[in-house]
Amino acid sequence: MADTRPKRRRSNEHLENKREKEKERGKSRIYIGKAFERWRELRRQKGFQSDIQVALFLLDSCKQVLHGAQMIVPIPLKNRDKQKRSFFIEKLALSPLRLTEHAPHPSISRIETRTLAEIAKAELDGTILGNRPIRIRFATHGAALTVRNLSPVVSNELLEQAFSQFGPVERAVVVVDDRGRPTGKGIVEFANKPAARKALDRCADGALLLTMSPRPVILEPTEQFDDEDGLPEKLLQKSGQYHKEREHQPRFAQPGTFEFEYSSRWKALDEMEKQQREQVERNIQEAKEKLEAEMEAAKHEHQLMMMRQDLMRRQEELRRLEELRNQELQKRKQVEMRCAFV
């Protein structure tokens, strides 16, 4: 039997509350379009139970910022290479990257996180194009500087504060050893090259001090290394020298052979270089300690001199005040004598 009871009319207040809830719920909805399949694949690979876990994973990944890393991709610009160029653009269309076309070799602009950079690299690296595999690599940071001669009391925050006067700083880190002790070195990465050049020039012409100690920082461009991919076998030039050197497999030199004799001489040369480097480092360390001691002594002497000058200034002030007081007393006596005579 059908329910013939009249439907309960919802109040305007109830409908308004429902609309507000739908509005709030809509704020948490994100349309990801073609990326939905990749979203589901990521959820399946990671074993996540809900979309919230996927979102939190991606947000946490975005915190691992890859400062200064860019993807270098050789995208042809000439008319005869339009097919190759369209291949790259099609491949990158689904990724969160932007192309910059600075002739003659355009590159992909900075990628926010290492996770996204590695995804883009995996998509393109090794792809066969024009019968040749293409190589995608991380670009070195063009505005990174190494800071030396840091005091043990300098922190990441103080380092960033000191160098922000030259331009926006993306990252400032004091290098520490495996025990967390400062090594006296740091890395400062600027957002652009002009800021880095300005810092280099100013620190070369002047003396930038970070603490009370007159210990200026030494600034130099950071030496960049590619420790991500190294040199794969497929990228080696197969020259005559290559084939000649690779005739033998890795092995230990046998005693009494030509190989063993010259291997020993190479090792002896390396040991001599090591000893000389250690001696130079000891000499430099002794010179630093001597300079530190001289600086402390000079600082104490300077403080004593400032105290003497301050004491002399105070004594002079007291003498002047005493003279003024005596003059005032003398005037009062003269006035009193005049009054008594009258």
C-alpha atoms as a PDB file:
ATOM      1  CA  MET A   1       0.000   0.000   0.000  1.00  0.00           C
ATOM      2  CA  ALA A   2       1.516   3.286  -1.074  1.00  0.00           C
ATOM      3  CA  ASP A   3       2.322   5.866   1.543  1.00  0.00           C
ATOM      4  CA  THR A   4      -0.325   8.574   1.189  1.00  0.00           C
ATOM      5  CA  ARG A   5       1.066  10.746   3.960  1.00  0.00           C
ATOM      6  CA  PRO A   6       1.889  14.265   2.761  1.00  0.00           C
ATOM      7  CA  LYS A   7       5.566  14.998   2.377  1.00  0.00           C
ATOM      8  CA  ARG A   8       7.030  17.135   5.113  1.00  0.00           C
ATOM      9  CA  ARG A   9       8.026  20.513   3.853  1.00  0.00           C
ATOM     10  CA  ARG A  10      11.565  21.430   4.713  1.00  0.00           C
ATOM     11  CA  SER A  11      12.040  24.794   6.301  1.00  0.00           C
ATOM     12  CA  ASN A  12      14.034  27.522   4.617  1.00  0.00           C
ATOM     13  CA  GLU A  13      16.571  27.311   7.411  1.00  0.00           C
ATOM     14  CA  HIS A  14      17.098  23.605   6.760  1.00  0.00           C
ATOM     15  CA  LEU A  15      17.586  24.194   3.027  1.00  0.00           C
ATOM     16  CA  GLU A  16      20.000  27.024   3.728  1.00  0.00           C
ATOM     17  CA  ASN A  17      22.068  24.787   6.028  1.00  0.00           C
ATOM     18  CA  LYS A  18      22.151  22.092   3.351  1.00  0.00           C
ATOM     19  CA  ARG A  19      23.369  24.568   0.743  1.00  0.00           C
ATOM     20  CA  GLU A  20      26.107  25.780   3.113  1.00  0.00           C
ATOM     21  CA  LYS A  21      27.267  22.204   3.703  1.00  0.00           C
ATOM     22  CA  GLU A  22      27.359  21.516  -0.027  1.00  0.00           C
ATOM     23  CA  LYS A  23      29.324  24.717  -0.528  1.00  0.00           C
ATOM     24  CA  GLU A  24      31.881  23.746   2.121  1.00  0.00           C
ATOM     25  CA  ARG A  25      32.143  20.232   0.677  1.00  0.00           C
ATOM     26  CA  GLY A  26      32.750  21.706  -2.755  1.00  0.00           C
ATOM     27  CA  LYS A  27      35.820  23.539  -1.493  1.00  0.00           C
ATOM     28  CA  SER A  28      37.559  20.197  -0.897  1.00  0.00           C
ATOM     29  CA  ARG A  29      36.776  18.820  -4.340  1.00  0.00           C
ATOM     30  CA  ILE A  30      39.532  19.014  -6.939  1.00  0.00           C
ATOM     31  CA  TYR A  31      39.091  18.254 -10.621  1.00  0.00           C
ATOM     32  CA  ILE A  32      42.232  16.564 -11.932  1.00  0.00           C
ATOM     33  CA  GLY A  33      40.956  15.618 -15.392  1.00  0.00           C
ATOM     34  CA  LYS A  34      43.231  13.269 -17.334  1.00  0.00           C
ATOM     35  CA  ALA A  35      45.454  12.794 -14.290  1.00  0.00           C
ATOM     36  CA  PHE A  36      42.729  10.743 -12.580  1.00  0.00           C
ATOM     37  CA  GLU A  37      44.068   7.492 -13.995  1.00  0.00           C
ATOM     38  CA  ARG A  38      47.541   8.259 -12.692  1.00  0.00           C
ATOM     39  CA  TRP A  39      45.995   9.192  -9.323  1.00  0.00           C
ATOM     40  CA  ARG A  40      44.301   5.776  -9.098  1.00  0.00           C
ATOM     41  CA  GLU A  41      47.508   4.034 -10.185  1.00  0.00           C
ATOM     42  CA  LEU A  42      49.492   5.836  -7.478  1.00  0.00           C
ATOM     43  CA  ARG A  43      46.876   4.878  -4.895  1.00  0.00           C
ATOM     44  CA  ARG A  44      47.083   1.242  -5.980  1.00  0.00           C
ATOM     45  CA  GLN A  45      50.914   1.149  -6.014  1.00  0.00           C
ATOM     46  CA  LYS A  46      51.237   2.701  -2.569  1.00  0.00           C
ATOM     47  CA  GLY A  47      48.404   0.664  -1.089  1.00  0.00           C
ATOM     48  CA  PHE A  48      46.506   3.694   0.148  1.00  0.00           C
ATOM     49  CA  GLN A  49      43.001   3.087   1.483  1.00  0.00           C
ATOM     50  CA  SER A  50      41.586   6.528   0.691  1.00  0.00           C
ATOM     51  CA  ASP A  51      42.124   9.573  -1.510  1.00  0.00           C
ATOM     52  CA  ILE A  52      43.033  11.569   1.592  1.00  0.00           C
ATOM     53  CA  GLN A  53      46.122   9.391   2.050  1.00  0.00           C
ATOM     54  CA  VAL A  54      47.130  10.035  -1.569  1.00  0.00           C
ATOM     55  CA  ALA A  55      46.703  13.778  -1.100  1.00  0.00           C
ATOM     56  CA  LEU A  56      48.743  13.773   2.119  1.00  0.00           C
ATOM     57  CA  PHE A  57      51.484  11.755   0.415  1.00  0.00           C
ATOM     58  CA  LEU A  58      51.714  14.270  -2.437  1.00  0.00           C
ATOM     59  CA  LEU A  59      51.659  17.239  -0.055  1.00  0.00           C
ATOM     60  CA  ASP A  60      54.477  15.726   2.007  1.00  0.00           C
ATOM     61  CA  SER A  61      56.429  15.091  -1.185  1.00  0.00           C
ATOM     62  CA  CYS A  62      56.054  18.753  -2.132  1.00  0.00           C
ATOM     63  CA  LYS A  63      57.883  19.733   1.045  1.00  0.00           C
ATOM     64  CA  GLN A  64      61.037  18.109  -0.303  1.00  0.00           C
ATOM     65  CA  VAL A  65      61.873  21.080  -2.512  1.00  0.00           C
ATOM     66  CA  LEU A  66      64.552  20.474  -5.109  1.00  0.00           C
ATOM     67  CA  HIS A  67      66.313  23.840  -4.897  1.00  0.00           C
ATOM     68  CA  GLY A  68      68.120  24.912  -8.030  1.00  0.00           C
ATOM     69  CA  ALA A  69      67.380  21.796 -10.058  1.00  0.00           C
ATOM     70  CA  GLN A  70      66.126  22.164 -13.580  1.00  0.00           C
ATOM     71  CA  MET A  71      65.481  19.575 -16.230  1.00  0.00           C
ATOM     72  CA  ILE A  72      67.705  20.062 -19.248  1.00  0.00           C
ATOM     73  CA  VAL A  73      66.023  18.786 -22.412  1.00  0.00           C
ATOM     74  CA  PRO A  74      67.453  19.351 -25.914  1.00  0.00           C
ATOM     75  CA  ILE A  75      64.276  20.523 -27.667  1.00  0.00           C
ATOM     76  CA  PRO A  76      65.025  21.446 -31.307  1.00  0.00           C
ATOM     77  CA  LEU A  77      63.842  24.814 -32.562  1.00  0.00           C
ATOM     78  CA  LYS A  78      64.564  24.622 -36.287  1.00  0.00           C
ATOM     79  CA  ASN A  79      61.731  24.123 -38.781  1.00  0.00           C
ATOM     80  CA  ARG A  80      63.076  20.754 -39.941  1.00  0.00           C
ATOM     81  CA  ASP A  81      62.810  19.520 -36.344  1.00  0.00           C
ATOM     82  CA  LYS A  82      59.143  20.389 -35.811  1.00  0.00           C
ATOM     83  CA  GLN A  83      58.252  16.719 -35.487  1.00  0.00           C
ATOM     84  CA  LYS A  84      60.840  16.200 -32.745  1.00  0.00           C
ATOM     85  CA  ARG A  85      59.725  19.335 -30.965  1.00  0.00           C
ATOM     86  CA  SER A  86      56.074  18.301 -31.029  1.00  0.00           C
ATOM     87  CA  PHE A  87      57.140  14.942 -29.570  1.00  0.00           C
ATOM     88  CA  PHE A  88      58.605  16.639 -26.503  1.00  0.00           C
ATOM     89  CA  ILE A  89      55.658  18.965 -26.042  1.00  0.00           C
ATOM     90  CA  GLU A  90      53.218  16.056 -26.307  1.00  0.00           C
ATOM     91  CA  LYS A  91      55.201  14.078 -23.743  1.00  0.00           C
ATOM     92  CA  LEU A  92      55.293  17.001 -21.349  1.00  0.00           C
ATOM     93  CA  ALA A  93      51.690  18.081 -21.824  1.00  0.00           C
ATOM     94  CA  LEU A  94      50.448  15.899 -18.981  1.00  0.00           C
ATOM     95  CA  SER A  95      53.197  16.896 -16.582  1.00  0.00           C
ATOM     96  CA  PRO A  96      53.251  20.008 -14.357  1.00  0.00           C
ATOM     97  CA  LEU A  97      56.148  21.576 -16.267  1.00  0.00           C
ATOM     98  CA  ARG A  98      56.614  24.735 -18.299  1.00  0.00           C
ATOM     99  CA  LEU A  99      58.840  25.163 -21.328  1.00  0.00           C
ATOM    100  CA  THR A 100      61.247  28.042 -21.719  1.00  0.00           C
ATOM    101  CA  GLU A 101      62.553  28.700 -25.191  1.00  0.00           C
ATOM    102  CA  HIS A 102      65.913  30.371 -24.737  1.00  0.00           C
ATOM    103  CA  ALA A 103      67.855  29.754 -27.925  1.00  0.00           C
ATOM    104  CA  PRO A 104      69.760  27.793 -28.902  1.00  0.00           C
ATOM    105  CA  HIS A 105      68.913  25.108 -26.347  1.00  0.00           C
ATOM    106  CA  PRO A 106      65.589  25.488 -24.547  1.00  0.00           C
ATOM    107  CA  SER A 107      65.035  23.730 -21.260  1.00  0.00           C
ATOM    108  CA  ILE A 108      62.256  22.951 -18.866  1.00  0.00           C
ATOM    109  CA  SER A 109      61.967  25.524 -16.107  1.00  0.00           C
ATOM    110  CA  ARG A 110      62.456  24.787 -12.412  1.00  0.00           C
ATOM    111  CA  ILE A 111      60.369  21.932 -11.013  1.00  0.00           C
ATOM    112  CA  GLU A 112      59.000  22.472  -7.524  1.00  0.00           C
ATOM    113  CA  THR A 113      59.711  19.063  -5.971  1.00  0.00           C
ATOM    114  CA  ARG A 114      62.155  16.269  -6.448  1.00  0.00           C
ATOM    115  CA  THR A 115      59.299  13.792  -6.814  1.00  0.00           C
ATOM    116  CA  LEU A 116      57.909  15.629  -9.841  1.00  0.00           C
ATOM    117  CA  ALA A 117      61.383  16.082 -11.297  1.00  0.00           C
ATOM    118  CA  GLU A 118      62.115  12.379 -11.054  1.00  0.00           C
ATOM    119  CA  ILE A 119      58.756  11.531 -12.632  1.00  0.00           C
ATOM    120  CA  ALA A 120      59.480  13.837 -15.569  1.00  0.00           C
ATOM    121  CA  LYS A 121      62.975  12.419 -15.922  1.00  0.00           C
ATOM    122  CA  ALA A 122      61.671   8.850 -15.915  1.00  0.00           C
ATOM    123  CA  GLU A 123      59.138   9.759 -18.608  1.00  0.00           C
ATOM    124  CA  LEU A 124      61.716  11.043 -21.081  1.00  0.00           C
ATOM    125  CA  ASP A 125      65.161   9.697 -20.210  1.00  0.00           C
ATOM    126  CA  GLY A 126      66.317   7.045 -22.647  1.00  0.00           C
ATOM    127  CA  THR A 127      63.499   7.644 -25.130  1.00  0.00           C
ATOM    128  CA  ILE A 128      64.581   6.843 -28.687  1.00  0.00           C
ATOM    129  CA  LEU A 129      64.244   9.845 -30.963  1.00  0.00           C
ATOM    130  CA  GLY A 130      65.806   9.993 -34.393  1.00  0.00           C
ATOM    131  CA  ASN A 131      67.512   6.611 -33.849  1.00  0.00           C
ATOM    132  CA  ARG A 132      69.304   8.017 -30.825  1.00  0.00           C
ATOM    133  CA  PRO A 133      68.463   7.811 -27.116  1.00  0.00           C
ATOM    134  CA  ILE A 134      67.972  11.186 -25.486  1.00  0.00           C
ATOM    135  CA  ARG A 135      69.395  11.970 -22.072  1.00  0.00           C
ATOM    136  CA  ILE A 136      67.566  14.029 -19.478  1.00  0.00           C
ATOM    137  CA  ARG A 137      69.607  15.358 -16.580  1.00  0.00           C
ATOM    138  CA  PHE A 138      69.290  17.731 -13.656  1.00  0.00           C
ATOM    139  CA  ALA A 139      70.854  21.122 -14.254  1.00  0.00           C
ATOM    140  CA  THR A 140      73.295  22.465 -11.721  1.00  0.00           C
ATOM    141  CA  HIS A 141      72.266  25.451  -9.623  1.00  0.00           C
ATOM    142  CA  GLY A 142      73.619  28.538 -11.332  1.00  0.00           C
ATOM    143  CA  ALA A 143      73.236  30.816  -8.312  1.00  0.00           C
ATOM    144  CA  ALA A 144      74.718  28.676  -5.540  1.00  0.00           C
ATOM    145  CA  LEU A 145      77.634  29.975  -3.476  1.00  0.00           C
ATOM    146  CA  THR A 146      79.910  28.272  -0.950  1.00  0.00           C
ATOM    147  CA  VAL A 147      80.534  30.221   2.253  1.00  0.00           C
ATOM    148  CA  ARG A 148      83.726  29.483   4.214  1.00  0.00           C
ATOM    149  CA  ASN A 149      85.258  30.710   7.459  1.00  0.00           C
ATOM    150  CA  LEU A 150      81.963  30.516   9.347  1.00  0.00           C
ATOM    151  CA  SER A 151      81.931  30.848  13.105  1.00  0.00           C
ATOM    152  CA  PRO A 152      80.627  27.816  15.071  1.00  0.00           C
ATOM    153  CA  VAL A 153      77.726  29.957  16.335  1.00  0.00           C
ATOM    154  CA  VAL A 154      76.312  30.669  12.855  1.00  0.00           C
ATOM    155  CA  SER A 155      73.011  28.918  12.090  1.00  0.00           C
ATOM    156  CA  ASN A 156      70.999  28.380   8.909  1.00  0.00           C
ATOM    157  CA  GLU A 157      68.697  31.237   9.860  1.00  0.00           C
ATOM    158  CA  LEU A 158      71.517  33.695  10.516  1.00  0.00           C
ATOM    159  CA  LEU A 159      73.175  32.727   7.227  1.00  0.00           C
ATOM    160  CA  GLU A 160      69.940  33.384   5.316  1.00  0.00           C
ATOM    161  CA  GLN A 161      69.397  36.671   7.144  1.00  0.00           C
ATOM    162  CA  ALA A 162      72.909  37.874   6.318  1.00  0.00           C
ATOM    163  CA  PHE A 163      72.693  37.134   2.589  1.00  0.00           C
ATOM    164  CA  SER A 164      69.106  38.235   2.027  1.00  0.00           C
ATOM    165  CA  GLN A 165      70.434  41.790   1.644  1.00  0.00           C
ATOM    166  CA  PHE A 166      71.782  40.821  -1.799  1.00  0.00           C
ATOM    167  CA  GLY A 167      68.551  39.276  -3.107  1.00  0.00           C
ATOM    168  CA  PRO A 168      65.990  36.529  -2.462  1.00  0.00           C
ATOM    169  CA  VAL A 169      67.576  33.422  -0.918  1.00  0.00           C
ATOM    170  CA  GLU A 170      66.056  30.040  -1.692  1.00  0.00           C
ATOM    171  CA  ARG A 171      68.152  28.014   0.722  1.00  0.00           C
ATOM    172  CA  ALA A 172      70.886  28.663   3.273  1.00  0.00           C
ATOM    173  CA  VAL A 173      72.494  25.731   5.065  1.00  0.00           C
ATOM    174  CA  VAL A 174      75.441  25.435   7.440  1.00  0.00           C
ATOM    175  CA  VAL A 175      77.308  22.232   6.554  1.00  0.00           C
ATOM    176  CA  VAL A 176      77.804  19.890   9.519  1.00  0.00           C
ATOM    177  CA  ASP A 177      79.649  16.582   9.926  1.00  0.00           C
ATOM    178  CA  ASP A 178      78.100  13.220  10.774  1.00  0.00           C
ATOM    179  CA  ARG A 179      77.886  14.258  14.435  1.00  0.00           C
ATOM    180  CA  GLY A 180      76.102  17.508  13.723  1.00  0.00           C
ATOM    181  CA  ARG A 181      79.127  19.708  14.394  1.00  0.00           C
ATOM    182  CA  PRO A 182      79.610  22.740  12.108  1.00  0.00           C
ATOM    183  CA  THR A 183      82.423  22.410   9.580  1.00  0.00           C
ATOM    184  CA  GLY A 184      82.915  26.140   9.040  1.00  0.00           C
ATOM    185  CA  LYS A 185      81.294  25.948   5.603  1.00  0.00           C
ATOM    186  CA  GLY A 186      77.844  26.728   4.284  1.00  0.00           C
ATOM    187  CA  ILE A 187      75.790  26.800   1.100  1.00  0.00           C
ATOM    188  CA  VAL A 188      73.679  29.771  -0.011  1.00  0.00           C
ATOM    189  CA  GLU A 189      71.397  29.366  -3.020  1.00  0.00           C
ATOM    190  CA  PHE A 190      69.934  32.557  -4.469  1.00  0.00           C
ATOM    191  CA  ALA A 191      66.830  32.736  -6.613  1.00  0.00           C
ATOM    192  CA  ASN A 192      68.746  34.384  -9.470  1.00  0.00           C
ATOM    193  CA  LYS A 193      72.294  34.897 -10.706  1.00  0.00           C
ATOM    194  CA  PRO A 194      72.432  38.714 -10.339  1.00  0.00           C
ATOM    195  CA  ALA A 195      71.917  38.353  -6.593  1.00  0.00           C
ATOM    196  CA  ALA A 196      74.698  35.764  -6.382  1.00  0.00           C
ATOM    197  CA  ARG A 197      77.043  37.967  -8.420  1.00  0.00           C
ATOM    198  CA  LYS A 198      76.243  40.962  -6.222  1.00  0.00           C
ATOM    199  CA  ALA A 199      77.076  38.937  -3.101  1.00  0.00           C
ATOM    200  CA  LEU A 200      80.359  37.750  -4.631  1.00  0.00           C
ATOM    201  CA  ASP A 201      81.413  41.251  -5.627  1.00  0.00           C
ATOM    202  CA  ARG A 202      80.461  42.872  -2.328  1.00  0.00           C
ATOM    203  CA  CYS A 203      82.204  40.206  -0.239  1.00  0.00           C
ATOM    204  CA  ALA A 204      85.305  40.382  -2.448  1.00  0.00           C
ATOM    205  CA  ASP A 205      85.549  44.166  -2.082  1.00  0.00           C
ATOM    206  CA  GLY A 206      84.574  44.317   1.597  1.00  0.00           C
ATOM    207  CA  ALA A 207      84.491  42.149   4.718  1.00  0.00           C
ATOM    208  CA  LEU A 208      81.104  40.713   5.661  1.00  0.00           C
ATOM    209  CA  LEU A 209      80.951  39.897   9.384  1.00  0.00           C
ATOM    210  CA  LEU A 210      78.170  37.676  10.719  1.00  0.00           C
ATOM    211  CA  THR A 211      78.960  37.878  14.446  1.00  0.00           C
ATOM    212  CA  MET A 212      80.804  40.113  16.902  1.00  0.00           C
ATOM    213  CA  SER A 213      84.107  38.490  15.951  1.00  0.00           C
ATOM    214  CA  PRO A 214      85.996  40.270  13.101  1.00  0.00           C
ATOM    215  CA  ARG A 215      85.989  37.034  11.120  1.00  0.00           C
ATOM    216  CA  PRO A 216      84.845  37.750   7.553  1.00  0.00           C
ATOM    217  CA  VAL A 217      83.139  35.098   5.478  1.00  0.00           C
ATOM    218  CA  ILE A 218      84.850  33.882   2.316  1.00  0.00           C
ATOM    219  CA  LEU A 219      82.550  33.492  -0.663  1.00  0.00           C
ATOM    220  CA  GLU A 220      83.125  31.484  -3.851  1.00  0.00           C
ATOM    221  CA  PRO A 221      80.963  29.791  -6.521  1.00  0.00           C
ATOM    222  CA  THR A 222      79.886  26.300  -5.538  1.00  0.00           C
ATOM    223  CA  GLU A 223      81.643  23.523  -7.400  1.00  0.00           C
ATOM    224  CA  GLN A 224      78.929  21.461  -9.044  1.00  0.00           C
ATOM    225  CA  PHE A 225      78.987  17.692  -9.551  1.00  0.00           C
ATOM    226  CA  ASP A 226      76.533  15.366 -11.260  1.00  0.00           C
ATOM    227  CA  ASP A 227      76.098  12.593  -8.719  1.00  0.00           C
ATOM    228  CA  GLU A 228      72.615  11.654  -9.881  1.00  0.00           C
ATOM    229  CA  ASP A 229      73.298   9.590 -13.001  1.00  0.00           C
ATOM    230  CA  GLY A 230      77.067   9.473 -13.296  1.00  0.00           C
ATOM    231  CA  LEU A 231      78.356   8.189 -16.627  1.00  0.00           C
ATOM    232  CA  PRO A 232      76.398   5.202 -17.973  1.00  0.00           C
ATOM    233  CA  GLU A 233      78.103   2.850 -20.397  1.00  0.00           C
ATOM    234  CA  LYS A 234      75.732   3.830 -23.199  1.00  0.00           C
ATOM    235  CA  LEU A 235      76.962   7.443 -23.081  1.00  0.00           C
ATOM    236  CA  LEU A 236      80.679   6.689 -23.361  1.00  0.00           C
ATOM    237  CA  GLN A 237      82.343   7.628 -26.624  1.00  0.00           C
ATOM    238  CA  LYS A 238      83.505   4.354 -28.217  1.00  0.00           C
ATOM    239  CA  SER A 239      86.807   5.719 -29.517  1.00  0.00           C
ATOM    240  CA  GLY A 240      90.015   3.850 -30.254  1.00  0.00           C
ATOM    241  CA  GLN A 241      91.294   4.699 -26.790  1.00  0.00           C
ATOM    242  CA  TYR A 242      88.118   3.217 -25.321  1.00  0.00           C
ATOM    243  CA  HIS A 243      88.527  -0.118 -27.089  1.00  0.00           C
ATOM    244  CA  LYS A 244      92.229  -0.258 -26.262  1.00  0.00           C
ATOM    245  CA  GLU A 245      91.734   0.402 -22.560  1.00  0.00           C
ATOM    246  CA  ARG A 246      88.774  -1.967 -22.291  1.00  0.00           C
ATOM    247  CA  GLU A 247      90.573  -4.992 -23.720  1.00  0.00           C
ATOM    248  CA  HIS A 248      91.159  -6.284 -20.167  1.00  0.00           C
ATOM    249  CA  GLN A 249      88.607  -6.894 -17.466  1.00  0.00           C
ATOM    250  CA  PRO A 250      88.965  -5.479 -13.916  1.00  0.00           C
ATOM    251  CA  ARG A 251      91.679  -7.408 -12.041  1.00  0.00           C
ATOM    252  CA  PHE A 252      94.377  -7.205  -9.362  1.00  0.00           C
ATOM    253  CA  ALA A 253      97.936  -6.623 -10.576  1.00  0.00           C
ATOM    254  CA  GLN A 254     100.176  -9.639  -9.967  1.00  0.00           C
ATOM    255  CA  PRO A 255     103.416  -9.067  -7.947  1.00  0.00           C
ATOM    256  CA  GLY A 256     106.576  -8.961 -10.015  1.00  0.00           C
ATOM    257  CA  THR A 257     104.836  -7.733 -13.174  1.00  0.00           C
ATOM    258  CA  PHE A 258     105.084  -4.473 -15.071  1.00  0.00           C
ATOM    259  CA  GLU A 259     101.534  -3.620 -13.972  1.00  0.00           C
ATOM    260  CA  PHE A 260     102.350  -4.191 -10.313  1.00  0.00           C
ATOM    261  CA  GLU A 261     105.490  -2.017 -10.437  1.00  0.00           C
ATOM    262  CA  TYR A 262     103.755   1.013 -11.903  1.00  0.00           C
ATOM    263  CA  SER A 263     100.643   0.478  -9.824  1.00  0.00           C
ATOM    264  CA  SER A 264     102.874   0.657  -6.746  1.00  0.00           C
ATOM    265  CA  ARG A 265     104.446   3.882  -8.007  1.00  0.00           C
ATOM    266  CA  TRP A 266     101.020   5.405  -8.580  1.00  0.00           C
ATOM    267  CA  LYS A 267      99.969   4.455  -5.044  1.00  0.00           C
ATOM    268  CA  ALA A 268     103.197   5.904  -3.627  1.00  0.00           C
ATOM    269  CA  LEU A 269     102.534   9.156  -5.476  1.00  0.00           C
ATOM    270  CA  ASP A 270      98.995   9.255  -4.105  1.00  0.00           C
ATOM    271  CA  GLU A 271     100.296   8.645  -0.565  1.00  0.00           C
ATOM    272  CA  MET A 272     102.820  11.465  -0.961  1.00  0.00           C
ATOM    273  CA  GLU A 273     100.062  13.802  -2.148  1.00  0.00           C
ATOM    274  CA  LYS A 274      97.948  12.796   0.839  1.00  0.00           C
ATOM    275  CA  GLN A 275     100.786  13.481   3.306  1.00  0.00           C
ATOM    276  CA  GLN A 276     101.529  16.859   1.748  1.00  0.00           C
ATOM    277  CA  ARG A 277      97.864  17.831   1.843  1.00  0.00           C
ATOM    278  CA  GLU A 278      97.700  16.829   5.516  1.00  0.00           C
ATOM    279  CA  GLN A 279     100.828  18.895   6.246  1.00  0.00           C
ATOM    280  CA  VAL A 280      99.350  21.902   4.451  1.00  0.00           C
ATOM    281  CA  GLU A 281      96.099  21.480   6.390  1.00  0.00           C
ATOM    282  CA  ARG A 282      98.047  21.315   9.684  1.00  0.00           C
ATOM    283  CA  ASN A 283      99.988  24.453   8.780  1.00  0.00           C
ATOM    284  CA  ILE A 284      96.771  26.276   7.896  1.00  0.00           C
ATOM    285  CA  GLN A 285      95.121  25.109  11.116  1.00  0.00           C
ATOM    286  CA  GLU A 286      98.086  26.315  13.166  1.00  0.00           C
ATOM    287  CA  ALA A 287      98.000  29.659  11.363  1.00  0.00           C
ATOM    288  CA  LYS A 288      94.257  29.944  12.071  1.00  0.00           C
ATOM    289  CA  GLU A 289      94.761  29.167  15.761  1.00  0.00           C
ATOM    290  CA  LYS A 290      97.561  31.718  15.948  1.00  0.00           C
ATOM    291  CA  LEU A 291      95.386  34.332  14.261  1.00  0.00           C
ATOM    292  CA  GLU A 292      92.530  33.515  16.635  1.00  0.00           C
ATOM    293  CA  ALA A 293      94.850  33.989  19.647  1.00  0.00           C
ATOM    294  CA  GLU A 294      96.226  37.264  18.259  1.00  0.00           C
ATOM    295  CA  MET A 295      92.704  38.450  17.521  1.00  0.00           C
ATOM    296  CA  GLU A 296      91.565  37.665  21.081  1.00  0.00           C
ATOM    297  CA  ALA A 297      94.593  39.432  22.553  1.00  0.00           C
ATOM    298  CA  ALA A 298      94.052  42.426  20.289  1.00  0.00           C
ATOM    299  CA  LYS A 299      90.374  42.477  21.196  1.00  0.00           C
ATOM    300  CA  HIS A 300      91.180  42.532  24.912  1.00  0.00           C
ATOM    301  CA  GLU A 301      93.770  45.257  24.346  1.00  0.00           C
ATOM    302  CA  HIS A 302      91.234  47.244  22.372  1.00  0.00           C
ATOM    303  CA  GLN A 303      88.664  46.839  25.134  1.00  0.00           C
ATOM    304  CA  LEU A 304      91.233  47.979  27.725  1.00  0.00           C
ATOM    305  CA  MET A 305      92.092  50.991  25.599  1.00  0.00           C
ATOM    306  CA  MET A 306      88.411  51.865  25.255  1.00  0.00           C
ATOM    307  CA  MET A 307      87.994  51.522  29.022  1.00  0.00           C
ATOM    308  CA  ARG A 308      91.005  53.810  29.618  1.00  0.00           C
ATOM    309  CA  GLN A 309      89.620  56.378  27.214  1.00  0.00           C
ATOM    310  CA  ASP A 310      86.230  56.183  28.893  1.00  0.00           C
ATOM    311  CA  LEU A 311      87.861  56.563  32.310  1.00  0.00           C
ATOM    312  CA  MET A 312      89.863  59.580  31.121  1.00  0.00           C
ATOM    313  CA  ARG A 313      86.721  61.091  29.639  1.00  0.00           C
ATOM    314  CA  ARG A 314      84.873  60.619  32.919  1.00  0.00           C
ATOM    315  CA  GLN A 315      87.757  62.106  34.882  1.00  0.00           C
ATOM    316  CA  GLU A 316      87.824  65.094  32.570  1.00  0.00           C
ATOM    317  CA  GLU A 317      84.086  65.484  32.994  1.00  0.00           C
ATOM    318  CA  LEU A 318      84.440  65.341  36.784  1.00  0.00           C
ATOM    319  CA  ARG A 319      87.251  67.922  36.677  1.00  0.00           C
ATOM    320  CA  ARG A 320      85.150  70.235  34.546  1.00  0.00           C
ATOM    321  CA  LEU A 321      82.176  69.828  36.874  1.00  0.00           C
ATOM    322  CA  GLU A 322      84.417  70.552  39.858  1.00  0.00           C
ATOM    323  CA  GLU A 323      85.666  73.731  38.204  1.00  0.00           C
ATOM    324  CA  LEU A 324      82.112  74.830  37.489  1.00  0.00           C
ATOM    325  CA  ARG A 325      81.166  74.105  41.089  1.00  0.00           C
ATOM    326  CA  ASN A 326      84.115  76.136  42.406  1.00  0.00           C
ATOM    327  CA  GLN A 327      83.243  79.017  40.119  1.00  0.00           C
ATOM    328  CA  GLU A 328      79.670  78.935  41.360  1.00  0.00           C
ATOM    329  CA  LEU A 329      80.813  78.942  44.990  1.00  0.00           C
ATOM    330  CA  GLN A 330      83.136  81.850  44.291  1.00  0.00           C
ATOM    331  CA  LYS A 331      80.307  83.851  42.752  1.00  0.00           C
ATOM    332  CA  ARG A 332      78.093  83.136  45.752  1.00  0.00           C
ATOM    333  CA  LYS A 333      80.814  84.352  48.151  1.00  0.00           C
ATOM    334  CA  GLN A 334      81.237  87.563  46.207  1.00  0.00           C
ATOM    335  CA  VAL A 335      77.475  88.149  46.262  1.00  0.00           C
ATOM    336  CA  GLU A 336      77.347  87.494  50.017  1.00  0.00           C
ATOM    337  CA  MET A 337      80.256  89.920  50.629  1.00  0.00           C
ATOM    338  CA  ARG A 338      78.505  92.667  48.645  1.00  0.00           C
ATOM    339  CA  CYS A 339      75.270  92.109  50.576  1.00  0.00           C
ATOM    340  CA  ALA A 340      77.130  92.239  53.936  1.00  0.00           C
ATOM    341  CA  PHE A 341      78.924  95.480  52.967  1.00  0.00           C
ATOM    342  CA  VAL A 342      75.661  97.124  52.044  1.00  0.00           C
END
